[in-house]
C-alpha atoms as a PDB file:
ATOM      1  CA  UNK A   1     115.530 -52.070 125.829  1.00  0.00           C
ATOM      2  CA  UNK A   2     113.774 -54.843 125.031  1.00  0.00           C
ATOM      3  CA  UNK A   3     114.605 -57.960 123.684  1.00  0.00           C
ATOM      4  CA  UNK A   4     113.094 -60.854 121.589  1.00  0.00           C
ATOM      5  CA  UNK A   5     114.674 -63.965 120.708  1.00  0.00           C
ATOM      6  CA  UNK A   6     113.752 -66.869 118.156  1.00  0.00           C
ATOM      7  CA  UNK A   7     112.896 -67.037 114.190  1.00  0.00           C
ATOM      8  CA  UNK A   8     112.771 -63.692 112.442  1.00  0.00           C
ATOM      9  CA  UNK A   9     112.129 -65.209 108.894  1.00  0.00           C
ATOM     10  CA  UNK A  10     111.482 -68.520 107.347  1.00  0.00           C
ATOM     11  CA  UNK A  11     109.798 -69.135 103.881  1.00  0.00           C
ATOM     12  CA  UNK A  12     110.853 -69.925 100.248  1.00  0.00           C
ATOM     13  CA  UNK A  13     113.052 -67.970  97.705  1.00  0.00           C
ATOM     14  CA  UNK A  14     111.818 -66.191  94.579  1.00  0.00           C
ATOM     15  CA  UNK A  15     113.601 -66.337  91.254  1.00  0.00           C
ATOM     16  CA  UNK A  16     113.842 -62.514  91.598  1.00  0.00           C
ATOM     17  CA  UNK A  17     115.821 -60.615  93.837  1.00  0.00           C
ATOM     18  CA  UNK A  18     113.427 -60.622  97.245  1.00  0.00           C
ATOM     19  CA  UNK A  19     113.500 -59.604 100.915  1.00  0.00           C
ATOM     20  CA  UNK A  20     112.982 -61.918 103.250  1.00  0.00           C
ATOM     21  CA  UNK A  21     113.957 -60.165 106.467  1.00  0.00           C
ATOM     22  CA  UNK A  22     113.303 -56.253 107.581  1.00  0.00           C
ATOM     23  CA  UNK A  23     114.531 -55.060 110.576  1.00  0.00           C
ATOM     24  CA  UNK A  24     111.886 -53.142 112.285  1.00  0.00           C
ATOM     25  CA  UNK A  25     111.687 -49.462 112.926  1.00  0.00           C
ATOM     26  CA  UNK A  26     113.636 -48.253 116.448  1.00  0.00           C
ATOM     27  CA  UNK A  27     115.279 -51.607 116.514  1.00  0.00           C
ATOM     28  CA  UNK A  28     118.677 -53.117 115.839  1.00  0.00           C
ATOM     29  CA  UNK A  29     118.401 -57.039 114.730  1.00  0.00           C
ATOM     30  CA  UNK A  30     121.617 -59.536 115.249  1.00  0.00           C
ATOM     31  CA  UNK A  31     121.149 -62.371 112.633  1.00  0.00           C
ATOM     32  CA  UNK A  32     122.552 -65.252 114.772  1.00  0.00           C
ATOM     33  CA  UNK A  33     121.658 -68.521 111.936  1.00  0.00           C
ATOM     34  CA  UNK A  34     120.812 -68.233 108.217  1.00  0.00           C
ATOM     35  CA  UNK A  35     120.650 -71.602 107.221  1.00  0.00           C
ATOM     36  CA  UNK A  36     119.152 -72.805 103.111  1.00  0.00           C
ATOM     37  CA  UNK A  37     118.189 -76.087 101.730  1.00  0.00           C
ATOM     38  CA  UNK A  38     117.269 -76.678  98.213  1.00  0.00           C
ATOM     39  CA  UNK A  39     114.099 -79.113  98.023  1.00  0.00           C
ATOM     40  CA  UNK A  40     114.092 -79.696  94.446  1.00  0.00           C
ATOM     41  CA  UNK A  41     115.983 -82.134  92.188  1.00  0.00           C
ATOM     42  CA  UNK A  42     117.943 -79.562  90.523  1.00  0.00           C
ATOM     43  CA  UNK A  43     120.778 -77.612  91.645  1.00  0.00           C
ATOM     44  CA  UNK A  44     120.016 -74.434  92.713  1.00  0.00           C
ATOM     45  CA  UNK A  45     121.858 -71.256  92.741  1.00  0.00           C
ATOM     46  CA  UNK A  46     120.884 -68.742  95.325  1.00  0.00           C
ATOM     47  CA  UNK A  47     122.681 -65.228  95.822  1.00  0.00           C
ATOM     48  CA  UNK A  48     122.291 -63.203  99.439  1.00  0.00           C
ATOM     49  CA  UNK A  49     122.159 -59.989  99.808  1.00  0.00           C
ATOM     50  CA  UNK A  50     122.235 -57.275 102.367  1.00  0.00           C
ATOM     51  CA  UNK A  51     120.347 -53.654 101.967  1.00  0.00           C
ATOM     52  CA  UNK A  52     121.304 -51.056 103.881  1.00  0.00           C
ATOM     53  CA  UNK A  53     118.423 -48.474 104.600  1.00  0.00           C
ATOM     54  CA  UNK A  54     117.437 -46.435 101.555  1.00  0.00           C
ATOM     55  CA  UNK A  55     121.114 -47.890  99.676  1.00  0.00           C
ATOM     56  CA  UNK A  56     122.150 -50.784  97.233  1.00  0.00           C
ATOM     57  CA  UNK A  57     121.895 -54.371  97.337  1.00  0.00           C
ATOM     58  CA  UNK A  58     125.016 -56.123  97.785  1.00  0.00           C
ATOM     59  CA  UNK A  59     126.025 -59.842  97.398  1.00  0.00           C
ATOM     60  CA  UNK A  60     126.657 -61.507 100.696  1.00  0.00           C
ATOM     61  CA  UNK A  61     127.120 -65.258  99.879  1.00  0.00           C
ATOM     62  CA  UNK A  62     126.533 -66.928  96.748  1.00  0.00           C
ATOM     63  CA  UNK A  63     125.656 -70.866  96.894  1.00  0.00           C
ATOM     64  CA  UNK A  64     125.719 -73.704  94.250  1.00  0.00           C
ATOM     65  CA  UNK A  65     123.359 -76.320  96.372  1.00  0.00           C
ATOM     66  CA  UNK A  66     122.307 -79.977  94.849  1.00  0.00           C
ATOM     67  CA  UNK A  67     119.763 -82.065  96.089  1.00  0.00           C
ATOM     68  CA  UNK A  68     118.755 -82.411  99.660  1.00  0.00           C
ATOM     69  CA  UNK A  69     122.065 -80.481 100.494  1.00  0.00           C
ATOM     70  CA  UNK A  70     122.234 -77.140 102.816  1.00  0.00           C
ATOM     71  CA  UNK A  71     124.355 -74.402 103.862  1.00  0.00           C
ATOM     72  CA  UNK A  72     124.646 -71.918 106.994  1.00  0.00           C
ATOM     73  CA  UNK A  73     125.179 -68.508 105.201  1.00  0.00           C
ATOM     74  CA  UNK A  74     127.159 -67.374 108.554  1.00  0.00           C
ATOM     75  CA  UNK A  75     130.211 -68.426 108.963  1.00  0.00           C
ATOM     76  CA  UNK A  76     130.151 -69.886 112.526  1.00  0.00           C
ATOM     77  CA  UNK A  77     130.948 -67.765 115.480  1.00  0.00           C
ATOM     78  CA  UNK A  78     129.778 -64.660 113.379  1.00  0.00           C
ATOM     79  CA  UNK A  79     126.401 -62.685 113.248  1.00  0.00           C
ATOM     80  CA  UNK A  80     125.374 -59.925 110.865  1.00  0.00           C
ATOM     81  CA  UNK A  81     123.874 -56.712 112.580  1.00  0.00           C
ATOM     82  CA  UNK A  82     120.946 -55.220 111.214  1.00  0.00           C
ATOM     83  CA  UNK A  83     119.481 -51.092 111.870  1.00  0.00           C
ATOM     84  CA  UNK A  84     116.241 -50.019 111.526  1.00  0.00           C
ATOM     85  CA  UNK A  85     114.886 -50.713 107.792  1.00  0.00           C
ATOM     86  CA  UNK A  86     117.822 -52.647 106.722  1.00  0.00           C
ATOM     87  CA  UNK A  87     116.850 -55.942 104.596  1.00  0.00           C
ATOM     88  CA  UNK A  88     118.422 -59.300 103.793  1.00  0.00           C
ATOM     89  CA  UNK A  89     117.944 -60.260 100.362  1.00  0.00           C
ATOM     90  CA  UNK A  90     117.513 -63.731  98.555  1.00  0.00           C
ATOM     91  CA  UNK A  91     117.841 -65.276  94.727  1.00  0.00           C
ATOM     92  CA  UNK A  92     117.268 -68.391  93.212  1.00  0.00           C
ATOM     93  CA  UNK A  93     117.300 -70.287  90.149  1.00  0.00           C
ATOM     94  CA  UNK A  94     113.954 -72.297  90.843  1.00  0.00           C
ATOM     95  CA  UNK A  95     110.353 -71.027  92.722  1.00  0.00           C
ATOM     96  CA  UNK A  96     109.611 -72.352  95.934  1.00  0.00           C
ATOM     97  CA  UNK A  97     112.782 -75.220  95.445  1.00  0.00           C
ATOM     98  CA  UNK A  98     114.779 -73.197  98.455  1.00  0.00           C
ATOM     99  CA  UNK A  99     113.707 -73.218 102.227  1.00  0.00           C
ATOM    100  CA  UNK A 100     115.352 -71.135 104.971  1.00  0.00           C
ATOM    101  CA  UNK A 101     115.077 -69.974 108.096  1.00  0.00           C
ATOM    102  CA  UNK A 102     116.715 -66.806 109.861  1.00  0.00           C
ATOM    103  CA  UNK A 103     116.935 -67.130 113.713  1.00  0.00           C
ATOM    104  CA  UNK A 104     118.146 -63.744 116.262  1.00  0.00           C
ATOM    105  CA  UNK A 105     117.588 -61.130 118.660  1.00  0.00           C
ATOM    106  CA  UNK A 106     115.576 -57.866 117.748  1.00  0.00           C
ATOM    107  CA  UNK A 107     116.664 -54.686 120.203  1.00  0.00           C
ATOM    108  CA  UNK A 108     113.634 -52.204 119.972  1.00  0.00           C
END
């Protein structure tokens, strides 16, 4: 098995539930950190969902973030394990107001 570690995804959240990371085929991903940051002057509500391959998106966490406030989606010392085809989805109040970064390890 080969392991690849680093940034798995980064970008800005949208106002509709949008996939921000998909675990590659024939792989297992271990999400080690997932941070979000509000760049907007208005408070943003953000929802993070996990959708198992072929399943329904389930809400994992929800935050309200004031201007220049950040949050860690994962509790310290925890991780999320994703199987091939599983996805992380995010939704927020204002498009392009919320930056995110997901880091971890992919085992293929």
